[in-house]
Structures are given as structure tokens and as C-alpha cells.
Amino acid sequence: MNNQVKVLVIEDDPYISDLIVLYAEKSGYTISIANDGLKGLEMFYKSSPDLVILDIMMPEMDGWEVCKEIRRFDKTPVIMLTGKSENCDKLKGFDLGTDDYLVKPFDPNELMARIKALLRRTNPMLDADEIIDLPLLNINLKLYKVTCDEQEIVLPPKEMKLLYFLTLHSNQVFTRQQLLDQIWGWDFEGDPQTVDVHIKRIREKLGDSNPFWRVKTIRGVGYKFEVDNQ
């Protein structure tokens, strides 16, 4: 679902920014550009991107400070893009919470590959197929449409995302906390029993008599979407 992935590029060199835009848009990403650190931080809070590409040497606020501010409250993946190649700079970036590091000049195809790998690692839903088709169950996340036994089922966004995530990782067990982190976000401060309530509603809407799959409780652990013969 690359067409829904938002990438913020914070880079003061227009040639580099244009190059990233050219390749990123070909890959289906939605790109925003900021040409200094302060503007980049402001855009970050306004747009909530899925990934940040961050230069180090910039006017107003350098990349170190921008990364430090982002990491105060947020875990959005960050790729440092810089002309510096010394090990101490890389280590400083990783200490501040940078997820990856690419030195200029760089191959834009390598950058796209790193973006894809990082998104897959940090948020599997962003790089997954939009449609899941199982016996008597079809989920189209892009259209927010679920069909169960030829009947369309209306699910609110959180229930839809929870069902999609579980079916995407069929037969894998997740704790309540893992599901909260994936669907509600790591900074969610509500009751973990929220997951139980949403699971109950999903079961009520899908029914519990399907012979091919089921949302199963793993007592003392969490939940999984169990699919037979997978």
C-alpha cells in the first residue's frame, strides 16, 4: 500500500531533494519536502509521516537536534542522509535513535530499498498487499470493505485494522500490548482491555461458525487469527 505511505524529506540541497522525490514517487510514496530543520520539525508534527529522511548539516536546526526532538515522543523511522562518513557520526546518529544511515553521494535505488526494508520492519501493514482473500472472507483495506460469507460487514477503522493485521499474520500469536502498539500506537495510554472489546465486536460481526478460520484467544497470552491448512 505504498500509495498511502507518507515520507518527509528534510534536506536543504534542492538537487538531492528533487532526486529523492523523483525516485520515491516512482515507488508510489507521497513526499513532503522541508529545506531546513525547524520547518522539517514543524511539518513532522503536522503531517505525521510514516518515515523521515533527514540530512545532518542544515540551517536553523541541524539533523542531530531534529532527530533528538522527534525521538522525545515518537518512534517514526528515520534515515540519516549526510556527507559525513566517520564512524563517530554514525554512532551519534544511532545513539539518538536513527534507524538507518546513508552517506552521500548515494544510489537512489539503494535508498528506496532501505525505505522499503525499514517500513517492512517497523510497520508491516504499510508494505503489505491491500487485499486478503480467504475462504468466505475478503478484506480490502484500501476500500475499508469486508465481505464475510458473501455479506458485506461494516467495521469501524480500528476494528478493520485489527482484523487486517491479524489475518495478515495468520496463525501468529500476539499479546494485547503488541496489538496496541501496532493498531493504536506505542503512545496509547488507554486500557489494554480495549483490545478485548474490539476482538469481541469483530467476532460478533463475523460469527463463530466458520469452518476455515477463526479469531482465537490464547489464554494468558493474547490472540491469533487461526486459519486451517495454512
Protein backbone atom coordinates (compact mmCIF):
# COMPACT_ATOMS: atom_id res chain seq x y z
CA MET A 1 0.00 0.00 0.00
CA ASN A 2 2.81 2.35 -0.95
CA ASN A 3 0.33 4.93 -2.24
CA GLN A 4 -0.63 5.59 1.38
CA VAL A 5 2.92 5.83 2.75
CA LYS A 6 3.98 9.39 3.61
CA VAL A 7 7.69 10.25 3.56
CA LEU A 8 9.06 13.54 4.89
CA VAL A 9 12.40 14.65 3.41
CA ILE A 10 14.28 17.24 5.48
CA GLU A 11 17.12 18.34 3.20
CA ASP A 12 18.48 21.78 2.26
CA ASP A 13 20.09 20.72 -1.05
CA PRO A 14 17.38 21.08 -3.76
CA TYR A 15 19.23 18.71 -6.12
CA ILE A 16 19.18 15.93 -3.51
CA SER A 17 15.54 16.64 -2.63
CA ASP A 18 14.45 16.56 -6.28
CA LEU A 19 16.33 13.29 -6.82
CA ILE A 20 14.62 11.67 -3.83
CA VAL A 21 11.20 12.93 -4.98
CA LEU A 22 11.75 11.52 -8.48
CA TYR A 23 12.55 8.01 -7.26
CA ALA A 24 10.16 7.98 -4.29
CA GLU A 25 7.15 9.00 -6.37
CA LYS A 26 8.00 6.26 -8.87
CA SER A 27 7.89 3.87 -5.93
CA GLY A 28 4.43 5.15 -5.02
CA TYR A 29 5.26 7.16 -1.91
CA THR A 30 3.74 10.54 -1.03
CA ILE A 31 6.58 13.01 -0.44
CA SER A 32 6.82 16.25 1.55
CA ILE A 33 9.94 18.45 1.50
CA ALA A 34 11.38 20.78 4.13
CA ASN A 35 14.58 22.73 3.40
CA ASP A 36 15.65 23.42 6.98
CA GLY A 37 15.46 21.70 10.36
CA LEU A 38 12.88 23.95 12.01
CA LYS A 39 10.48 23.74 9.09
CA GLY A 40 11.05 19.99 8.94
CA LEU A 41 10.15 19.57 12.60
CA GLU A 42 7.04 21.68 12.13
CA MET A 43 5.96 19.60 9.12
CA PHE A 44 6.66 16.41 11.05
CA TYR A 45 4.18 17.33 13.79
CA LYS A 46 1.56 18.49 11.29
CA SER A 47 1.72 15.63 8.77
CA SER A 48 2.65 12.59 10.93
CA PRO A 49 4.75 10.89 8.22
CA ASP A 50 5.45 7.16 8.13
CA LEU A 51 9.18 7.72 7.58
CA VAL A 52 11.66 10.63 7.72
CA ILE A 53 14.75 11.12 5.54
CA LEU A 54 16.93 13.56 7.45
CA ASP A 55 20.08 15.47 6.47
CA ILE A 56 22.54 16.47 9.21
CA MET A 57 24.09 19.77 8.09
CA MET A 58 21.16 22.18 7.68
CA PRO A 59 20.33 25.80 8.55
CA GLU A 60 18.19 26.79 11.55
CA MET A 61 18.44 23.37 13.23
CA ASP A 62 20.77 20.52 12.33
CA GLY A 63 19.72 16.91 11.85
CA TRP A 64 21.02 15.84 15.25
CA GLU A 65 18.65 18.22 17.02
CA VAL A 66 15.73 17.36 14.75
CA CYS A 67 16.22 13.65 15.40
CA LYS A 68 16.53 14.29 19.13
CA GLU A 69 13.23 16.22 19.14
CA ILE A 70 11.44 13.55 17.12
CA ARG A 71 12.64 10.83 19.47
CA ARG A 72 11.37 12.66 22.54
CA PHE A 73 7.83 11.46 21.85
CA ASP A 74 7.80 9.45 18.62
CA LYS A 75 9.22 6.25 17.09
CA THR A 76 8.71 7.11 13.41
CA PRO A 77 11.61 5.52 11.46
CA VAL A 78 14.40 7.94 10.50
CA ILE A 79 17.05 7.53 7.81
CA MET A 80 20.01 9.89 8.21
CA LEU A 81 21.29 11.17 4.86
CA THR A 82 24.60 13.02 5.06
CA GLY A 83 28.00 13.68 3.59
CA LYS A 84 29.68 12.68 6.83
CA SER A 85 31.09 9.16 6.87
CA GLU A 86 33.11 8.99 10.07
CA ASN A 87 32.13 6.19 12.45
CA CYS A 88 31.65 8.63 15.33
CA ASP A 89 28.92 10.44 13.38
CA LYS A 90 27.15 7.17 12.64
CA LEU A 91 27.34 6.13 16.26
CA LYS A 92 25.97 9.51 17.38
CA GLY A 93 23.07 9.10 14.95
CA PHE A 94 22.24 5.63 16.23
CA ASP A 95 22.53 6.81 19.84
CA LEU A 96 19.93 9.49 19.09
CA GLY A 97 17.59 6.89 17.64
CA THR A 98 18.32 6.91 13.91
CA ASP A 99 17.16 3.67 12.26
CA ASP A 100 19.46 3.74 9.22
CA TYR A 101 22.32 5.81 7.80
CA LEU A 102 23.22 6.54 4.17
CA VAL A 103 26.25 8.57 3.06
CA LYS A 104 26.24 11.00 0.12
CA PRO A 105 26.73 10.51 -2.75
CA PHE A 106 24.28 7.63 -2.73
CA ASP A 107 22.46 5.38 -5.17
CA PRO A 108 18.78 6.42 -5.10
CA ASN A 109 17.76 2.83 -5.78
CA GLU A 110 19.60 1.79 -2.62
CA LEU A 111 17.72 4.48 -0.70
CA MET A 112 14.39 3.16 -2.00
CA ALA A 113 15.40 -0.37 -0.98
CA ARG A 114 16.30 0.84 2.51
CA ILE A 115 13.00 2.69 2.83
CA LYS A 116 11.08 -0.42 1.86
CA ALA A 117 13.05 -2.64 4.24
CA LEU A 118 12.67 -0.19 7.11
CA LEU A 119 8.92 0.15 6.59
CA ARG A 120 8.54 -3.61 6.43
CA ARG A 121 10.43 -3.98 9.70
CA THR A 122 8.74 -1.17 11.63
CA ASN A 123 5.21 -1.34 10.23
CA PRO A 124 4.42 -4.47 8.20
CA MET A 125 0.95 -3.17 7.31
CA LEU A 126 2.40 -0.34 5.25
CA ASP A 127 4.17 -2.68 2.87
CA ALA A 128 1.53 -5.40 2.68
CA ASP A 129 -0.98 -6.29 0.00
CA GLU A 130 -4.20 -4.31 0.27
CA ILE A 131 -6.49 -7.32 -0.25
CA ILE A 132 -6.64 -10.53 1.77
CA ASP A 133 -8.77 -13.28 0.27
CA LEU A 134 -9.64 -16.33 2.38
CA PRO A 135 -12.47 -18.86 2.11
CA LEU A 136 -15.69 -16.96 2.93
CA LEU A 137 -13.70 -13.84 3.88
CA ASN A 138 -12.40 -10.95 1.77
CA ILE A 139 -10.73 -7.89 3.29
CA ASN A 140 -9.98 -4.81 1.19
CA LEU A 141 -8.13 -2.36 3.40
CA LYS A 142 -7.93 0.36 0.76
CA LEU A 143 -11.72 0.42 0.35
CA TYR A 144 -12.33 -0.39 4.03
CA LYS A 145 -14.60 -3.22 2.92
CA VAL A 146 -15.07 -6.67 4.47
CA THR A 147 -17.16 -9.43 2.92
CA CYS A 148 -17.93 -12.46 5.05
CA ASP A 149 -19.88 -15.38 3.57
CA GLU A 150 -20.98 -13.09 0.70
CA GLN A 151 -22.33 -10.49 3.15
CA GLU A 152 -20.69 -7.08 3.50
CA ILE A 153 -19.68 -6.38 7.09
CA VAL A 154 -19.34 -2.81 8.37
CA LEU A 155 -16.32 -2.35 10.63
CA PRO A 156 -15.07 0.92 12.17
CA PRO A 157 -11.44 1.81 11.30
CA LYS A 158 -9.81 0.30 14.42
CA GLU A 159 -11.73 -2.98 14.08
CA MET A 160 -10.85 -3.10 10.37
CA LYS A 161 -7.14 -2.52 11.02
CA LEU A 162 -7.09 -5.03 13.86
CA LEU A 163 -8.75 -7.72 11.74
CA TYR A 164 -6.49 -6.95 8.79
CA PHE A 165 -3.34 -7.12 10.92
CA LEU A 166 -4.32 -10.45 12.47
CA THR A 167 -5.26 -12.02 9.12
CA LEU A 168 -2.08 -10.66 7.54
CA HIS A 169 -0.15 -12.61 10.19
CA SER A 170 -2.42 -15.65 10.31
CA ASN A 171 -1.60 -18.32 12.92
CA GLN A 172 0.80 -15.95 14.71
CA VAL A 173 0.07 -15.13 18.35
CA PHE A 174 0.13 -11.50 19.52
CA THR A 175 -0.10 -10.14 23.04
CA ARG A 176 -2.53 -7.34 23.85
CA GLN A 177 0.41 -4.93 24.13
CA GLN A 178 1.75 -5.89 20.72
CA LEU A 179 -1.67 -5.28 19.18
CA LEU A 180 -1.98 -1.95 20.98
CA ASP A 181 1.42 -0.87 19.64
CA GLN A 182 0.55 -1.89 16.09
CA ILE A 183 -3.02 -0.57 15.85
CA TRP A 184 -3.34 2.18 18.46
CA GLY A 185 0.29 3.30 18.52
CA TRP A 186 3.09 2.96 21.05
CA ASP A 187 1.98 6.08 22.93
CA PHE A 188 -1.58 4.84 23.56
CA GLU A 189 -2.40 5.38 27.24
CA GLY A 190 -5.82 3.72 27.43
CA ASP A 191 -6.87 0.43 28.95
CA PRO A 192 -5.28 -2.69 27.38
CA GLN A 193 -8.75 -4.29 27.66
CA THR A 194 -9.60 -2.12 24.64
CA VAL A 195 -8.21 -4.97 22.53
CA ASP A 196 -10.63 -7.45 24.15
CA VAL A 197 -13.59 -5.20 23.39
CA HIS A 198 -12.63 -4.85 19.72
CA ILE A 199 -11.99 -8.58 19.36
CA LYS A 200 -15.42 -9.30 20.82
CA ARG A 201 -17.09 -6.94 18.35
CA ILE A 202 -15.21 -8.48 15.42
CA ARG A 203 -16.30 -11.97 16.46
CA GLU A 204 -19.91 -10.86 16.80
CA LYS A 205 -19.90 -9.43 13.29
CA LEU A 206 -18.04 -12.29 11.59
CA GLY A 207 -19.75 -15.08 13.51
CA ASP A 208 -18.10 -18.08 15.15
CA SER A 209 -19.28 -20.98 13.00
CA ASN A 210 -16.81 -20.67 10.11
CA PRO A 211 -15.01 -23.98 9.38
CA PHE A 212 -11.97 -22.37 7.74
CA TRP A 213 -10.76 -19.67 10.12
CA ARG A 214 -11.45 -18.08 13.50
CA VAL A 215 -10.22 -15.37 15.86
CA LYS A 216 -8.82 -17.44 18.70
CA THR A 217 -7.97 -16.48 22.27
CA ILE A 218 -4.66 -17.83 23.56
CA ARG A 219 -5.33 -17.88 27.28
CA GLY A 220 -2.80 -15.91 29.30
CA VAL A 221 -1.09 -14.59 26.15
CA GLY A 222 -3.32 -12.84 23.63
CA TYR A 223 -4.94 -13.56 20.27
CA LYS A 224 -4.33 -15.04 16.86
CA PHE A 225 -6.25 -15.39 13.62
CA GLU A 226 -6.23 -19.15 13.09
CA VAL A 227 -6.50 -20.46 9.52
CA ASP A 228 -6.84 -24.16 8.78
CA ASN A 229 -4.47 -25.89 6.35
CA GLN A 230 -2.09 -22.92 6.08
